[in-house]
């Protein structure tokens, strides 16, 4: 392990567009399902549904949070509908699997998705048994990243000491509250939609493009 990370004994990873490339475009399929949900809920056409969905995501952190706030929807029904997608674009990455396995200490998932969906994604990536726990949107009481309350709930529920933990996410804005509570932060700058929104160098300790490659670097596999 490189000296700069020798203090880390807890490795926390976002899920979507972090543990797999943004080019896999699962969110493209989820976006379609979100659009259909909003069309049916509000009786609007596809273009208006798309405009509403992007506004909710921007203003509330997730479309779900926005719809719960503005239309009091059932989160379980929404998540089951929008996550009913094929995942054929995902594949195992042996470098990623082996790199995470070699990290010293705990490994956790912190996601704005739900546990069932996360389990399906991890299964496709060959990571089903890799992580000790998944802290999902239900566990956050539907307050998604980057709301400070979601980080507090994760730290409390999983008994994380932020000063010896590291958090990896593809959304730069999600790293500001992580840094504020003492987490070491890693931004996966890989082309995620709105990934650079809220980017501020002061709250990013490491900027990377690919998690597997970065793990090889910090574990000394690449000289």
C-alpha atoms as a PDB file:
ATOM      1  CA  UNK A   1       0.000   0.000   0.000  1.00  0.00           C
ATOM      2  CA  UNK A   2       1.261   3.476  -0.839  1.00  0.00           C
ATOM      3  CA  UNK A   3       2.193   5.550   2.245  1.00  0.00           C
ATOM      4  CA  UNK A   4      -0.539   8.139   1.592  1.00  0.00           C
ATOM      5  CA  UNK A   5      -3.186   5.454   2.221  1.00  0.00           C
ATOM      6  CA  UNK A   6      -1.504   3.472   4.970  1.00  0.00           C
ATOM      7  CA  UNK A   7      -4.029   4.854   7.479  1.00  0.00           C
ATOM      8  CA  UNK A   8      -7.044   3.422   5.630  1.00  0.00           C
ATOM      9  CA  UNK A   9      -8.698   0.350   7.140  1.00  0.00           C
ATOM     10  CA  UNK A  10     -12.180   0.812   5.655  1.00  0.00           C
ATOM     11  CA  UNK A  11     -12.834   1.094   1.894  1.00  0.00           C
ATOM     12  CA  UNK A  12     -16.252   2.456   0.905  1.00  0.00           C
ATOM     13  CA  UNK A  13     -17.397   2.335  -2.711  1.00  0.00           C
ATOM     14  CA  UNK A  14     -20.283   3.861  -4.584  1.00  0.00           C
ATOM     15  CA  UNK A  15     -21.872   1.368  -6.984  1.00  0.00           C
ATOM     16  CA  UNK A  16     -23.131   2.729 -10.301  1.00  0.00           C
ATOM     17  CA  UNK A  17     -20.532   4.092 -12.747  1.00  0.00           C
ATOM     18  CA  UNK A  18     -17.892   3.496 -10.083  1.00  0.00           C
ATOM     19  CA  UNK A  19     -17.449  -0.287  -9.905  1.00  0.00           C
ATOM     20  CA  UNK A  20     -18.221  -0.546 -13.608  1.00  0.00           C
ATOM     21  CA  UNK A  21     -17.519   1.876 -16.495  1.00  0.00           C
ATOM     22  CA  UNK A  22     -19.981   4.651 -17.239  1.00  0.00           C
ATOM     23  CA  UNK A  23     -19.908   3.353 -20.814  1.00  0.00           C
ATOM     24  CA  UNK A  24     -21.934   0.322 -19.652  1.00  0.00           C
ATOM     25  CA  UNK A  25     -24.817   2.823 -19.583  1.00  0.00           C
ATOM     26  CA  UNK A  26     -27.095   1.118 -17.084  1.00  0.00           C
ATOM     27  CA  UNK A  27     -28.379   4.577 -16.260  1.00  0.00           C
ATOM     28  CA  UNK A  28     -29.499   4.924 -19.877  1.00  0.00           C
ATOM     29  CA  UNK A  29     -31.862   1.997 -19.353  1.00  0.00           C
ATOM     30  CA  UNK A  30     -32.907   3.266 -15.928  1.00  0.00           C
ATOM     31  CA  UNK A  31     -33.546   6.719 -17.412  1.00  0.00           C
ATOM     32  CA  UNK A  32     -35.976   5.186 -19.881  1.00  0.00           C
ATOM     33  CA  UNK A  33     -37.841   3.455 -17.053  1.00  0.00           C
ATOM     34  CA  UNK A  34     -37.881   6.670 -15.006  1.00  0.00           C
ATOM     35  CA  UNK A  35     -39.331   8.507 -17.967  1.00  0.00           C
ATOM     36  CA  UNK A  36     -42.081   5.905 -18.335  1.00  0.00           C
ATOM     37  CA  UNK A  37     -42.857   6.114 -14.623  1.00  0.00           C
ATOM     38  CA  UNK A  38     -43.158   9.916 -14.731  1.00  0.00           C
ATOM     39  CA  UNK A  39     -45.253   9.814 -17.903  1.00  0.00           C
ATOM     40  CA  UNK A  40     -47.726   7.479 -16.214  1.00  0.00           C
ATOM     41  CA  UNK A  41     -47.662   9.314 -12.899  1.00  0.00           C
ATOM     42  CA  UNK A  42     -48.165  12.812 -14.288  1.00  0.00           C
ATOM     43  CA  UNK A  43     -49.802  12.165 -17.647  1.00  0.00           C
ATOM     44  CA  UNK A  44     -47.102  14.007 -19.612  1.00  0.00           C
ATOM     45  CA  UNK A  45     -45.329  13.293 -22.897  1.00  0.00           C
ATOM     46  CA  UNK A  46     -41.795  11.807 -23.066  1.00  0.00           C
ATOM     47  CA  UNK A  47     -40.035  15.151 -23.562  1.00  0.00           C
ATOM     48  CA  UNK A  48     -41.732  16.729 -20.566  1.00  0.00           C
ATOM     49  CA  UNK A  49     -41.082  13.630 -18.466  1.00  0.00           C
ATOM     50  CA  UNK A  50     -37.380  13.849 -19.354  1.00  0.00           C
ATOM     51  CA  UNK A  51     -37.259  17.537 -18.407  1.00  0.00           C
ATOM     52  CA  UNK A  52     -38.964  16.851 -15.075  1.00  0.00           C
ATOM     53  CA  UNK A  53     -36.727  13.882 -14.291  1.00  0.00           C
ATOM     54  CA  UNK A  54     -33.483  15.772 -14.918  1.00  0.00           C
ATOM     55  CA  UNK A  55     -34.712  18.694 -12.824  1.00  0.00           C
ATOM     56  CA  UNK A  56     -35.587  16.406  -9.925  1.00  0.00           C
ATOM     57  CA  UNK A  57     -32.183  14.724 -10.119  1.00  0.00           C
ATOM     58  CA  UNK A  58     -30.392  18.063 -10.158  1.00  0.00           C
ATOM     59  CA  UNK A  59     -32.384  19.627  -7.334  1.00  0.00           C
ATOM     60  CA  UNK A  60     -32.899  16.663  -5.002  1.00  0.00           C
ATOM     61  CA  UNK A  61     -29.912  14.365  -5.559  1.00  0.00           C
ATOM     62  CA  UNK A  62     -32.045  11.555  -6.992  1.00  0.00           C
ATOM     63  CA  UNK A  63     -35.222  11.381  -9.022  1.00  0.00           C
ATOM     64  CA  UNK A  64     -36.727   9.248  -6.258  1.00  0.00           C
ATOM     65  CA  UNK A  65     -36.089  11.855  -3.598  1.00  0.00           C
ATOM     66  CA  UNK A  66     -37.606  14.527  -5.800  1.00  0.00           C
ATOM     67  CA  UNK A  67     -40.739  12.502  -6.542  1.00  0.00           C
ATOM     68  CA  UNK A  68     -41.185  11.608  -2.880  1.00  0.00           C
ATOM     69  CA  UNK A  69     -40.940  15.298  -1.987  1.00  0.00           C
ATOM     70  CA  UNK A  70     -43.178  16.616  -4.741  1.00  0.00           C
ATOM     71  CA  UNK A  71     -45.645  13.741  -5.272  1.00  0.00           C
ATOM     72  CA  UNK A  72     -45.396  11.480  -2.182  1.00  0.00           C
ATOM     73  CA  UNK A  73     -44.748   8.331  -4.223  1.00  0.00           C
ATOM     74  CA  UNK A  74     -44.065   4.842  -2.824  1.00  0.00           C
ATOM     75  CA  UNK A  75     -40.263   4.389  -3.007  1.00  0.00           C
ATOM     76  CA  UNK A  76     -40.439   0.587  -3.137  1.00  0.00           C
ATOM     77  CA  UNK A  77     -42.793   0.646  -6.121  1.00  0.00           C
ATOM     78  CA  UNK A  78     -40.665   3.230  -7.926  1.00  0.00           C
ATOM     79  CA  UNK A  79     -37.377   1.394  -7.395  1.00  0.00           C
ATOM     80  CA  UNK A  80     -38.812  -1.963  -8.455  1.00  0.00           C
ATOM     81  CA  UNK A  81     -40.102  -0.371 -11.673  1.00  0.00           C
ATOM     82  CA  UNK A  82     -37.030   1.627 -12.710  1.00  0.00           C
ATOM     83  CA  UNK A  83     -34.532  -1.119 -11.849  1.00  0.00           C
ATOM     84  CA  UNK A  84     -36.348  -3.731 -13.952  1.00  0.00           C
ATOM     85  CA  UNK A  85     -33.616  -3.669 -16.607  1.00  0.00           C
ATOM     86  CA  UNK A  86     -31.227  -6.025 -18.364  1.00  0.00           C
ATOM     87  CA  UNK A  87     -27.585  -5.926 -17.247  1.00  0.00           C
ATOM     88  CA  UNK A  88     -25.953  -7.618 -20.226  1.00  0.00           C
ATOM     89  CA  UNK A  89     -23.478  -4.730 -20.590  1.00  0.00           C
ATOM     90  CA  UNK A  90     -21.811  -5.644 -17.272  1.00  0.00           C
ATOM     91  CA  UNK A  91     -18.932  -8.109 -17.082  1.00  0.00           C
ATOM     92  CA  UNK A  92     -16.438  -9.345 -14.533  1.00  0.00           C
ATOM     93  CA  UNK A  93     -13.133  -7.494 -14.320  1.00  0.00           C
ATOM     94  CA  UNK A  94     -10.538  -9.779 -12.721  1.00  0.00           C
ATOM     95  CA  UNK A  95      -8.240  -6.848 -11.980  1.00  0.00           C
ATOM     96  CA  UNK A  96     -11.019  -5.121 -10.023  1.00  0.00           C
ATOM     97  CA  UNK A  97     -12.089  -8.297  -8.225  1.00  0.00           C
ATOM     98  CA  UNK A  98      -8.546  -9.169  -7.171  1.00  0.00           C
ATOM     99  CA  UNK A  99      -7.639  -5.590  -6.289  1.00  0.00           C
ATOM    100  CA  UNK A 100     -10.580  -5.111  -3.924  1.00  0.00           C
ATOM    101  CA  UNK A 101      -9.909  -8.528  -2.359  1.00  0.00           C
ATOM    102  CA  UNK A 102      -6.345  -7.453  -1.565  1.00  0.00           C
ATOM    103  CA  UNK A 103      -7.306  -4.218   0.176  1.00  0.00           C
ATOM    104  CA  UNK A 104      -6.568  -4.375   3.913  1.00  0.00           C
ATOM    105  CA  UNK A 105      -9.599  -3.949   6.131  1.00  0.00           C
ATOM    106  CA  UNK A 106     -13.341  -3.622   5.617  1.00  0.00           C
ATOM    107  CA  UNK A 107     -15.072  -3.142   2.257  1.00  0.00           C
ATOM    108  CA  UNK A 108     -18.513  -1.491   2.057  1.00  0.00           C
ATOM    109  CA  UNK A 109     -21.009  -0.242  -0.541  1.00  0.00           C
ATOM    110  CA  UNK A 110     -22.698   3.167  -0.126  1.00  0.00           C
ATOM    111  CA  UNK A 111     -25.280   3.719  -2.862  1.00  0.00           C
ATOM    112  CA  UNK A 112     -28.301   5.833  -3.745  1.00  0.00           C
ATOM    113  CA  UNK A 113     -29.828   2.671  -5.223  1.00  0.00           C
ATOM    114  CA  UNK A 114     -31.465  -0.099  -3.229  1.00  0.00           C
ATOM    115  CA  UNK A 115     -30.053  -3.341  -1.864  1.00  0.00           C
ATOM    116  CA  UNK A 116     -31.830  -5.667  -4.327  1.00  0.00           C
ATOM    117  CA  UNK A 117     -30.566  -3.764  -7.353  1.00  0.00           C
ATOM    118  CA  UNK A 118     -27.068  -3.480  -5.864  1.00  0.00           C
ATOM    119  CA  UNK A 119     -27.022  -7.231  -5.315  1.00  0.00           C
ATOM    120  CA  UNK A 120     -27.866  -7.863  -8.961  1.00  0.00           C
ATOM    121  CA  UNK A 121     -25.105  -5.506 -10.142  1.00  0.00           C
ATOM    122  CA  UNK A 122     -22.504  -7.014  -7.800  1.00  0.00           C
ATOM    123  CA  UNK A 123     -23.467 -10.485  -8.967  1.00  0.00           C
ATOM    124  CA  UNK A 124     -22.860  -9.559 -12.602  1.00  0.00           C
ATOM    125  CA  UNK A 125     -19.495  -8.040 -11.647  1.00  0.00           C
ATOM    126  CA  UNK A 126     -18.367 -11.130  -9.733  1.00  0.00           C
ATOM    127  CA  UNK A 127     -18.396  -9.226  -6.448  1.00  0.00           C
ATOM    128  CA  UNK A 128     -21.325 -10.879  -4.662  1.00  0.00           C
ATOM    129  CA  UNK A 129     -19.287 -11.951  -1.637  1.00  0.00           C
ATOM    130  CA  UNK A 130     -16.744  -9.122  -1.624  1.00  0.00           C
ATOM    131  CA  UNK A 131     -18.478  -6.514   0.531  1.00  0.00           C
ATOM    132  CA  UNK A 132     -19.358  -6.715   4.198  1.00  0.00           C
ATOM    133  CA  UNK A 133     -22.457  -4.511   3.925  1.00  0.00           C
ATOM    134  CA  UNK A 134     -24.524  -2.332   1.585  1.00  0.00           C
ATOM    135  CA  UNK A 135     -25.844   0.991   2.875  1.00  0.00           C
ATOM    136  CA  UNK A 136     -28.664   1.822   0.468  1.00  0.00           C
ATOM    137  CA  UNK A 137     -31.311   4.494  -0.050  1.00  0.00           C
ATOM    138  CA  UNK A 138     -33.723   2.807   2.364  1.00  0.00           C
ATOM    139  CA  UNK A 139     -31.064   2.783   5.097  1.00  0.00           C
ATOM    140  CA  UNK A 140     -30.511   6.499   4.425  1.00  0.00           C
ATOM    141  CA  UNK A 141     -34.207   7.177   5.139  1.00  0.00           C
ATOM    142  CA  UNK A 142     -34.460   8.349   1.494  1.00  0.00           C
ATOM    143  CA  UNK A 143     -32.010  11.190   2.001  1.00  0.00           C
ATOM    144  CA  UNK A 144     -29.543  10.471  -0.810  1.00  0.00           C
ATOM    145  CA  UNK A 145     -25.987  11.530  -1.315  1.00  0.00           C
ATOM    146  CA  UNK A 146     -24.950  14.351  -1.237  1.00  0.00           C
ATOM    147  CA  UNK A 147     -27.231  15.149   1.746  1.00  0.00           C
ATOM    148  CA  UNK A 148     -25.099  15.220   4.898  1.00  0.00           C
ATOM    149  CA  UNK A 149     -27.667  13.070   6.725  1.00  0.00           C
ATOM    150  CA  UNK A 150     -26.989  10.134   4.399  1.00  0.00           C
ATOM    151  CA  UNK A 151     -23.298  10.105   5.337  1.00  0.00           C
ATOM    152  CA  UNK A 152     -24.133  10.383   9.031  1.00  0.00           C
ATOM    153  CA  UNK A 153     -26.508   7.420   8.752  1.00  0.00           C
ATOM    154  CA  UNK A 154     -23.884   5.351   6.929  1.00  0.00           C
ATOM    155  CA  UNK A 155     -21.141   6.112   9.438  1.00  0.00           C
ATOM    156  CA  UNK A 156     -23.444   5.355  12.360  1.00  0.00           C
ATOM    157  CA  UNK A 157     -25.070   2.212  10.962  1.00  0.00           C
ATOM    158  CA  UNK A 158     -21.827   0.618   9.749  1.00  0.00           C
ATOM    159  CA  UNK A 159     -19.688   1.888  12.629  1.00  0.00           C
ATOM    160  CA  UNK A 160     -17.190   3.636  10.385  1.00  0.00           C
ATOM    161  CA  UNK A 161     -14.376   5.797  11.715  1.00  0.00           C
ATOM    162  CA  UNK A 162     -14.140   8.494   9.007  1.00  0.00           C
ATOM    163  CA  UNK A 163     -10.531   9.369   9.786  1.00  0.00           C
ATOM    164  CA  UNK A 164      -9.407   5.880   8.769  1.00  0.00           C
ATOM    165  CA  UNK A 165     -11.882   5.350   5.919  1.00  0.00           C
ATOM    166  CA  UNK A 166     -11.842   6.128   2.195  1.00  0.00           C
ATOM    167  CA  UNK A 167     -14.790   6.794  -0.113  1.00  0.00           C
ATOM    168  CA  UNK A 168     -14.836   6.326  -3.910  1.00  0.00           C
ATOM    169  CA  UNK A 169     -17.588   7.910  -6.058  1.00  0.00           C
ATOM    170  CA  UNK A 170     -18.057   8.977  -9.676  1.00  0.00           C
ATOM    171  CA  UNK A 171     -20.065  12.081  -8.695  1.00  0.00           C
ATOM    172  CA  UNK A 172     -17.753  14.894  -7.576  1.00  0.00           C
ATOM    173  CA  UNK A 173     -20.515  16.594  -5.600  1.00  0.00           C
ATOM    174  CA  UNK A 174     -20.876  13.478  -3.427  1.00  0.00           C
ATOM    175  CA  UNK A 175     -17.318  13.883  -2.160  1.00  0.00           C
ATOM    176  CA  UNK A 176     -17.702  17.296  -0.513  1.00  0.00           C
ATOM    177  CA  UNK A 177     -19.781  16.045   2.467  1.00  0.00           C
ATOM    178  CA  UNK A 178     -17.564  12.959   2.680  1.00  0.00           C
ATOM    179  CA  UNK A 179     -14.459  15.124   2.995  1.00  0.00           C
ATOM    180  CA  UNK A 180     -16.236  17.339   5.529  1.00  0.00           C
ATOM    181  CA  UNK A 181     -16.588  14.440   7.987  1.00  0.00           C
ATOM    182  CA  UNK A 182     -12.984  13.295   7.551  1.00  0.00           C
ATOM    183  CA  UNK A 183     -13.147  10.636   4.838  1.00  0.00           C
ATOM    184  CA  UNK A 184     -10.324  10.340   2.324  1.00  0.00           C
ATOM    185  CA  UNK A 185     -11.966  10.898  -1.057  1.00  0.00           C
ATOM    186  CA  UNK A 186     -11.487   9.476  -4.547  1.00  0.00           C
ATOM    187  CA  UNK A 187     -13.268  10.845  -7.620  1.00  0.00           C
ATOM    188  CA  UNK A 188     -13.748   8.459 -10.537  1.00  0.00           C
ATOM    189  CA  UNK A 189     -13.730  10.914 -13.441  1.00  0.00           C
ATOM    190  CA  UNK A 190     -14.985   8.573 -16.135  1.00  0.00           C
ATOM    191  CA  UNK A 191     -17.600  10.541 -18.027  1.00  0.00           C
ATOM    192  CA  UNK A 192     -20.642   9.990 -15.822  1.00  0.00           C
ATOM    193  CA  UNK A 193     -23.578  12.274 -16.580  1.00  0.00           C
ATOM    194  CA  UNK A 194     -23.138  15.353 -14.348  1.00  0.00           C
ATOM    195  CA  UNK A 195     -20.101  13.627 -12.817  1.00  0.00           C
ATOM    196  CA  UNK A 196     -18.109  16.848 -12.618  1.00  0.00           C
ATOM    197  CA  UNK A 197     -20.990  18.880 -11.169  1.00  0.00           C
ATOM    198  CA  UNK A 198     -19.882  20.507  -7.926  1.00  0.00           C
ATOM    199  CA  UNK A 199     -16.233  19.653  -8.541  1.00  0.00           C
ATOM    200  CA  UNK A 200     -13.918  21.405  -6.084  1.00  0.00           C
ATOM    201  CA  UNK A 201     -10.264  20.324  -5.782  1.00  0.00           C
ATOM    202  CA  UNK A 202     -10.243  20.937  -2.027  1.00  0.00           C
ATOM    203  CA  UNK A 203     -12.574  18.021  -1.333  1.00  0.00           C
ATOM    204  CA  UNK A 204     -10.948  15.511  -3.704  1.00  0.00           C
ATOM    205  CA  UNK A 205      -7.830  13.684  -2.527  1.00  0.00           C
ATOM    206  CA  UNK A 206      -7.414  11.443  -5.578  1.00  0.00           C
ATOM    207  CA  UNK A 207      -8.790  11.806  -9.111  1.00  0.00           C
ATOM    208  CA  UNK A 208      -8.795   8.603 -11.161  1.00  0.00           C
ATOM    209  CA  UNK A 209     -10.368   7.241 -14.355  1.00  0.00           C
ATOM    210  CA  UNK A 210     -10.650   3.541 -13.571  1.00  0.00           C
ATOM    211  CA  UNK A 211     -10.912   1.858 -10.162  1.00  0.00           C
ATOM    212  CA  UNK A 212      -9.174  -1.371 -11.164  1.00  0.00           C
ATOM    213  CA  UNK A 213      -6.167   0.450 -12.589  1.00  0.00           C
ATOM    214  CA  UNK A 214      -5.961   2.690  -9.520  1.00  0.00           C
ATOM    215  CA  UNK A 215      -6.030  -0.337  -7.213  1.00  0.00           C
ATOM    216  CA  UNK A 216      -3.097  -1.818  -9.119  1.00  0.00           C
ATOM    217  CA  UNK A 217      -1.218   1.452  -8.601  1.00  0.00           C
ATOM    218  CA  UNK A 218      -1.824   1.803  -4.863  1.00  0.00           C
ATOM    219  CA  UNK A 219      -1.137  -1.884  -4.244  1.00  0.00           C
ATOM    220  CA  UNK A 220       2.225  -1.603  -5.983  1.00  0.00           C
ATOM    221  CA  UNK A 221       1.366  -3.756  -8.989  1.00  0.00           C
ATOM    222  CA  UNK A 222       2.247  -0.942 -11.387  1.00  0.00           C
ATOM    223  CA  UNK A 223       5.641   0.657 -10.924  1.00  0.00           C
END
